[in-house]
Amino acid sequence: MKTKEAITYFGNKTSLAKALELTKSAISQWPEEVPELRAYQIERLTHGALKANPIVIDKPKSVNVA
């Protein structure tokens, strides 16, 4: 989920921070996407109104050395 979506849902950074027991400053340091574990926390707090988007990381392909 996008950080802006979470802030909008809770009304402002202060309310979001309070819901997560964080400081407003901590929220301000988030990138465009909510950090993954916090996204799951927000998903639970919003009863699924906001959904976490798990990041799929491709594993490096093994290289055969002949």
PDB file of N, CA and C in Angstrom:
ATOM      1  N   MET A   1       0.839  -1.175   0.000  1.00  0.00           N
ATOM      2  CA  MET A   1       0.000   0.000   0.000  1.00  0.00           C
ATOM      3  C   MET A   1       0.884   1.238   0.000  1.00  0.00           C
ATOM      4  N   LYS A   2       0.340   2.269  -0.534  1.00  0.00           N
ATOM      5  CA  LYS A   2       1.060   3.532  -0.598  1.00  0.00           C
ATOM      6  C   LYS A   2       0.961   4.247   0.750  1.00  0.00           C
ATOM      7  N   THR A   3       2.029   4.930   1.104  1.00  0.00           N
ATOM      8  CA  THR A   3       2.054   5.691   2.350  1.00  0.00           C
ATOM      9  C   THR A   3       0.943   6.739   2.359  1.00  0.00           C
ATOM     10  N   LYS A   4       0.723   7.399   1.236  1.00  0.00           N
ATOM     11  CA  LYS A   4      -0.321   8.423   1.155  1.00  0.00           C
ATOM     12  C   LYS A   4      -1.703   7.832   1.438  1.00  0.00           C
ATOM     13  N   GLU A   5      -1.943   6.603   0.962  1.00  0.00           N
ATOM     14  CA  GLU A   5      -3.231   5.944   1.220  1.00  0.00           C
ATOM     15  C   GLU A   5      -3.455   5.741   2.712  1.00  0.00           C
ATOM     16  N   ALA A   6      -2.415   5.281   3.385  1.00  0.00           N
ATOM     17  CA  ALA A   6      -2.522   5.026   4.825  1.00  0.00           C
ATOM     18  C   ALA A   6      -2.764   6.327   5.585  1.00  0.00           C
ATOM     19  N   ILE A   7      -2.044   7.367   5.211  1.00  0.00           N
ATOM     20  CA  ILE A   7      -2.212   8.660   5.876  1.00  0.00           C
ATOM     21  C   ILE A   7      -3.630   9.182   5.646  1.00  0.00           C
ATOM     22  N   THR A   8      -4.113   9.088   4.422  1.00  0.00           N
ATOM     23  CA  THR A   8      -5.466   9.549   4.101  1.00  0.00           C
ATOM     24  C   THR A   8      -6.513   8.772   4.890  1.00  0.00           C
ATOM     25  N   TYR A   9      -6.345   7.457   4.985  1.00  0.00           N
ATOM     26  CA  TYR A   9      -7.310   6.634   5.708  1.00  0.00           C
ATOM     27  C   TYR A   9      -7.418   7.071   7.174  1.00  0.00           C
ATOM     28  N   PHE A  10      -6.268   7.321   7.787  1.00  0.00           N
ATOM     29  CA  PHE A  10      -6.259   7.693   9.205  1.00  0.00           C
ATOM     30  C   PHE A  10      -6.484   9.191   9.429  1.00  0.00           C
ATOM     31  N   GLY A  11      -6.464   9.973   8.366  1.00  0.00           N
ATOM     32  CA  GLY A  11      -6.743  11.399   8.473  1.00  0.00           C
ATOM     33  C   GLY A  11      -5.516  12.278   8.384  1.00  0.00           C
ATOM     34  N   ASN A  12      -4.426  11.846   9.015  1.00  0.00           N
ATOM     35  CA  ASN A  12      -3.169  12.594   8.959  1.00  0.00           C
ATOM     36  C   ASN A  12      -2.047  11.733   9.538  1.00  0.00           C
ATOM     37  N   LYS A  13      -0.816  12.212   9.417  1.00  0.00           N
ATOM     38  CA  LYS A  13       0.338  11.446   9.895  1.00  0.00           C
ATOM     39  C   LYS A  13       0.293  11.221  11.398  1.00  0.00           C
ATOM     40  N   THR A  14      -0.190  12.198  12.125  1.00  0.00           N
ATOM     41  CA  THR A  14      -0.247  12.079  13.582  1.00  0.00           C
ATOM     42  C   THR A  14      -1.180  10.945  14.002  1.00  0.00           C
ATOM     43  N   SER A  15      -2.341  10.862  13.378  1.00  0.00           N
ATOM     44  CA  SER A  15      -3.299   9.799  13.717  1.00  0.00           C
ATOM     45  C   SER A  15      -2.774   8.430  13.323  1.00  0.00           C
ATOM     46  N   LEU A  16      -2.132   8.351  12.165  1.00  0.00           N
ATOM     47  CA  LEU A  16      -1.535   7.080  11.733  1.00  0.00           C
ATOM     48  C   LEU A  16      -0.446   6.660  12.707  1.00  0.00           C
ATOM     49  N   ALA A  17       0.408   7.589  13.067  1.00  0.00           N
ATOM     50  CA  ALA A  17       1.489   7.298  14.010  1.00  0.00           C
ATOM     51  C   ALA A  17       0.933   6.816  15.343  1.00  0.00           C
ATOM     52  N   LYS A  18      -0.105   7.463  15.829  1.00  0.00           N
ATOM     53  CA  LYS A  18      -0.709   7.077  17.100  1.00  0.00           C
ATOM     54  C   LYS A  18      -1.276   5.658  17.027  1.00  0.00           C
ATOM     55  N   ALA A  19      -1.935   5.320  15.918  1.00  0.00           N
ATOM     56  CA  ALA A  19      -2.511   3.985  15.744  1.00  0.00           C
ATOM     57  C   ALA A  19      -1.436   2.903  15.745  1.00  0.00           C
ATOM     58  N   LEU A  20      -0.257   3.240  15.224  1.00  0.00           N
ATOM     59  CA  LEU A  20       0.849   2.283  15.150  1.00  0.00           C
ATOM     60  C   LEU A  20       1.814   2.392  16.324  1.00  0.00           C
ATOM     61  N   GLU A  21       1.524   3.319  17.233  1.00  0.00           N
ATOM     62  CA  GLU A  21       2.401   3.589  18.374  1.00  0.00           C
ATOM     63  C   GLU A  21       3.802   3.974  17.918  1.00  0.00           C
ATOM     64  N   LEU A  22       3.831   4.877  16.935  1.00  0.00           N
ATOM     65  CA  LEU A  22       5.074   5.416  16.399  1.00  0.00           C
ATOM     66  C   LEU A  22       5.040   6.931  16.549  1.00  0.00           C
ATOM     67  N   THR A  23       6.129   7.580  16.151  1.00  0.00           N
ATOM     68  CA  THR A  23       6.145   9.031  16.119  1.00  0.00           C
ATOM     69  C   THR A  23       5.785   9.500  14.712  1.00  0.00           C
ATOM     70  N   LYS A  24       5.303  10.719  14.623  1.00  0.00           N
ATOM     71  CA  LYS A  24       5.000  11.314  13.322  1.00  0.00           C
ATOM     72  C   LYS A  24       6.275  11.363  12.475  1.00  0.00           C
ATOM     73  N   SER A  25       7.386  11.583  13.123  1.00  0.00           N
ATOM     74  CA  SER A  25       8.675  11.624  12.440  1.00  0.00           C
ATOM     75  C   SER A  25       8.997  10.291  11.764  1.00  0.00           C
ATOM     76  N   ALA A  26       8.663   9.189  12.419  1.00  0.00           N
ATOM     77  CA  ALA A  26       8.914   7.861  11.839  1.00  0.00           C
ATOM     78  C   ALA A  26       8.108   7.686  10.554  1.00  0.00           C
ATOM     79  N   ILE A  27       6.851   8.111  10.567  1.00  0.00           N
ATOM     80  CA  ILE A  27       6.001   8.007   9.384  1.00  0.00           C
ATOM     81  C   ILE A  27       6.579   8.861   8.253  1.00  0.00           C
ATOM     82  N   SER A  28       7.099  10.023   8.587  1.00  0.00           N
ATOM     83  CA  SER A  28       7.664  10.929   7.588  1.00  0.00           C
ATOM     84  C   SER A  28       8.869  10.328   6.872  1.00  0.00           C
ATOM     85  N   GLN A  29       9.510   9.359   7.475  1.00  0.00           N
ATOM     86  CA  GLN A  29      10.689   8.739   6.878  1.00  0.00           C
ATOM     87  C   GLN A  29      10.344   7.580   5.941  1.00  0.00           C
ATOM     88  N   TRP A  30       9.086   7.177   5.905  1.00  0.00           N
ATOM     89  CA  TRP A  30       8.699   6.072   5.029  1.00  0.00           C
ATOM     90  C   TRP A  30       8.821   6.477   3.571  1.00  0.00           C
ATOM     91  N   PRO A  31       9.200   5.519   2.711  1.00  0.00           N
ATOM     92  CA  PRO A  31       9.229   5.801   1.270  1.00  0.00           C
ATOM     93  C   PRO A  31       7.799   5.813   0.713  1.00  0.00           C
ATOM     94  N   GLU A  32       7.662   5.786  -0.582  1.00  0.00           N
ATOM     95  CA  GLU A  32       6.338   5.827  -1.227  1.00  0.00           C
ATOM     96  C   GLU A  32       5.458   4.656  -0.783  1.00  0.00           C
ATOM     97  N   GLU A  33       6.060   3.487  -0.624  1.00  0.00           N
ATOM     98  CA  GLU A  33       5.331   2.297  -0.168  1.00  0.00           C
ATOM     99  C   GLU A  33       5.533   2.138   1.340  1.00  0.00           C
ATOM    100  N   VAL A  34       4.461   1.770   2.034  1.00  0.00           N
ATOM    101  CA  VAL A  34       4.546   1.495   3.472  1.00  0.00           C
ATOM    102  C   VAL A  34       5.471   0.297   3.663  1.00  0.00           C
ATOM    103  N   PRO A  35       6.382   0.332   4.633  1.00  0.00           N
ATOM    104  CA  PRO A  35       7.221  -0.832   4.905  1.00  0.00           C
ATOM    105  C   PRO A  35       6.345  -2.073   5.103  1.00  0.00           C
ATOM    106  N   GLU A  36       6.807  -3.202   4.573  1.00  0.00           N
ATOM    107  CA  GLU A  36       5.983  -4.414   4.481  1.00  0.00           C
ATOM    108  C   GLU A  36       5.330  -4.837   5.800  1.00  0.00           C
ATOM    109  N   LEU A  37       6.080  -4.929   6.869  1.00  0.00           N
ATOM    110  CA  LEU A  37       5.489  -5.383   8.130  1.00  0.00           C
ATOM    111  C   LEU A  37       4.483  -4.376   8.679  1.00  0.00           C
ATOM    112  N   ARG A  38       4.749  -3.089   8.487  1.00  0.00           N
ATOM    113  CA  ARG A  38       3.790  -2.069   8.921  1.00  0.00           C
ATOM    114  C   ARG A  38       2.523  -2.146   8.068  1.00  0.00           C
ATOM    115  N   ALA A  39       2.674  -2.484   6.783  1.00  0.00           N
ATOM    116  CA  ALA A  39       1.511  -2.617   5.907  1.00  0.00           C
ATOM    117  C   ALA A  39       0.577  -3.718   6.408  1.00  0.00           C
ATOM    118  N   TYR A  40       1.144  -4.831   6.852  1.00  0.00           N
ATOM    119  CA  TYR A  40       0.307  -5.902   7.405  1.00  0.00           C
ATOM    120  C   TYR A  40      -0.375  -5.447   8.695  1.00  0.00           C
ATOM    121  N   GLN A  41       0.336  -4.683   9.489  1.00  0.00           N
ATOM    122  CA  GLN A  41      -0.249  -4.151  10.721  1.00  0.00           C
ATOM    123  C   GLN A  41      -1.419  -3.225  10.394  1.00  0.00           C
ATOM    124  N   ILE A  42      -1.229  -2.370   9.401  1.00  0.00           N
ATOM    125  CA  ILE A  42      -2.297  -1.449   8.996  1.00  0.00           C
ATOM    126  C   ILE A  42      -3.475  -2.232   8.418  1.00  0.00           C
ATOM    127  N   GLU A  43      -3.190  -3.269   7.658  1.00  0.00           N
ATOM    128  CA  GLU A  43      -4.265  -4.097   7.106  1.00  0.00           C
ATOM    129  C   GLU A  43      -5.148  -4.651   8.229  1.00  0.00           C
ATOM    130  N   ARG A  44      -4.513  -5.115   9.293  1.00  0.00           N
ATOM    131  CA  ARG A  44      -5.282  -5.637  10.435  1.00  0.00           C
ATOM    132  C   ARG A  44      -6.036  -4.537  11.163  1.00  0.00           C
ATOM    133  N   LEU A  45      -5.390  -3.393  11.358  1.00  0.00           N
ATOM    134  CA  LEU A  45      -6.040  -2.283  12.057  1.00  0.00           C
ATOM    135  C   LEU A  45      -7.256  -1.749  11.295  1.00  0.00           C
ATOM    136  N   THR A  46      -7.202  -1.825   9.957  1.00  0.00           N
ATOM    137  CA  THR A  46      -8.293  -1.308   9.131  1.00  0.00           C
ATOM    138  C   THR A  46      -9.288  -2.404   8.756  1.00  0.00           C
ATOM    139  N   HIS A  47      -9.113  -3.580   9.348  1.00  0.00           N
ATOM    140  CA  HIS A  47      -9.984  -4.727   9.060  1.00  0.00           C
ATOM    141  C   HIS A  47     -10.071  -4.998   7.559  1.00  0.00           C
ATOM    142  N   GLY A  48      -8.924  -4.846   6.882  1.00  0.00           N
ATOM    143  CA  GLY A  48      -8.835  -5.155   5.462  1.00  0.00           C
ATOM    144  C   GLY A  48      -9.213  -4.034   4.515  1.00  0.00           C
ATOM    145  N   ALA A  49      -9.588  -2.876   5.035  1.00  0.00           N
ATOM    146  CA  ALA A  49      -9.917  -1.744   4.158  1.00  0.00           C
ATOM    147  C   ALA A  49      -8.699  -1.340   3.327  1.00  0.00           C
ATOM    148  N   LEU A  50      -7.522  -1.415   3.928  1.00  0.00           N
ATOM    149  CA  LEU A  50      -6.263  -1.207   3.208  1.00  0.00           C
ATOM    150  C   LEU A  50      -5.554  -2.552   3.173  1.00  0.00           C
ATOM    151  N   LYS A  51      -5.023  -2.906   2.018  1.00  0.00           N
ATOM    152  CA  LYS A  51      -4.380  -4.209   1.839  1.00  0.00           C
ATOM    153  C   LYS A  51      -2.873  -4.065   1.675  1.00  0.00           C
ATOM    154  N   ALA A  52      -2.139  -4.950   2.345  1.00  0.00           N
ATOM    155  CA  ALA A  52      -0.688  -5.008   2.167  1.00  0.00           C
ATOM    156  C   ALA A  52      -0.397  -5.603   0.794  1.00  0.00           C
ATOM    157  N   ASN A  53       0.606  -5.093   0.136  1.00  0.00           N
ATOM    158  CA  ASN A  53       1.041  -5.617  -1.155  1.00  0.00           C
ATOM    159  C   ASN A  53       2.385  -6.292  -0.948  1.00  0.00           C
ATOM    160  N   PRO A  54       2.386  -7.606  -0.766  1.00  0.00           N
ATOM    161  CA  PRO A  54       3.686  -8.262  -0.530  1.00  0.00           C
ATOM    162  C   PRO A  54       4.600  -8.072  -1.727  1.00  0.00           C
ATOM    163  N   ILE A  55       5.841  -7.825  -1.426  1.00  0.00           N
ATOM    164  CA  ILE A  55       6.839  -7.614  -2.473  1.00  0.00           C
ATOM    165  C   ILE A  55       7.425  -8.969  -2.840  1.00  0.00           C
ATOM    166  N   VAL A  56       7.334  -9.294  -4.108  1.00  0.00           N
ATOM    167  CA  VAL A  56       7.886 -10.553  -4.589  1.00  0.00           C
ATOM    168  C   VAL A  56       9.287 -10.275  -5.087  1.00  0.00           C
ATOM    169  N   ILE A  57      10.236 -10.936  -4.465  1.00  0.00           N
ATOM    170  CA  ILE A  57      11.634 -10.737  -4.848  1.00  0.00           C
ATOM    171  C   ILE A  57      12.086 -11.974  -5.610  1.00  0.00           C
ATOM    172  N   ASP A  58      12.535 -11.742  -6.836  1.00  0.00           N
ATOM    173  CA  ASP A  58      13.024 -12.864  -7.637  1.00  0.00           C
ATOM    174  C   ASP A  58      14.348 -13.340  -7.070  1.00  0.00           C
ATOM    175  N   LYS A  59      14.442 -14.651  -6.946  1.00  0.00           N
ATOM    176  CA  LYS A  59      15.718 -15.226  -6.517  1.00  0.00           C
ATOM    177  C   LYS A  59      16.660 -15.224  -7.714  1.00  0.00           C
ATOM    178  N   PRO A  60      17.933 -14.954  -7.464  1.00  0.00           N
ATOM    179  CA  PRO A  60      18.876 -14.968  -8.591  1.00  0.00           C
ATOM    180  C   PRO A  60      18.947 -16.371  -9.202  1.00  0.00           C
ATOM    181  N   LYS A  61      19.042 -16.400 -10.491  1.00  0.00           N
ATOM    182  CA  LYS A  61      19.136 -17.682 -11.188  1.00  0.00           C
ATOM    183  C   LYS A  61      20.541 -18.227 -11.001  1.00  0.00           C
ATOM    184  N   SER A  62      20.632 -19.532 -10.800  1.00  0.00           N
ATOM    185  CA  SER A  62      21.954 -20.135 -10.627  1.00  0.00           C
ATOM    186  C   SER A  62      22.662 -20.150 -11.973  1.00  0.00           C
ATOM    187  N   VAL A  63      23.937 -19.991 -11.915  1.00  0.00           N
ATOM    188  CA  VAL A  63      24.757 -19.954 -13.117  1.00  0.00           C
ATOM    189  C   VAL A  63      25.560 -21.245 -13.175  1.00  0.00           C
ATOM    190  N   ASN A  64      25.437 -21.934 -14.299  1.00  0.00           N
ATOM    191  CA  ASN A  64      26.216 -23.162 -14.496  1.00  0.00           C
ATOM    192  C   ASN A  64      27.581 -22.799 -15.053  1.00  0.00           C
ATOM    193  N   VAL A  65      28.601 -23.242 -14.383  1.00  0.00           N
ATOM    194  CA  VAL A  65      29.958 -22.995 -14.856  1.00  0.00           C
ATOM    195  C   VAL A  65      30.473 -24.296 -15.432  1.00  0.00           C
ATOM    196  N   ALA A  66      30.753 -24.293 -16.723  1.00  0.00           N
ATOM    197  CA  ALA A  66      31.186 -25.521 -17.392  1.00  0.00           C
ATOM    198  C   ALA A  66      32.678 -25.624 -17.442  1.00  0.00           C
TER     199      ALA A  66
END
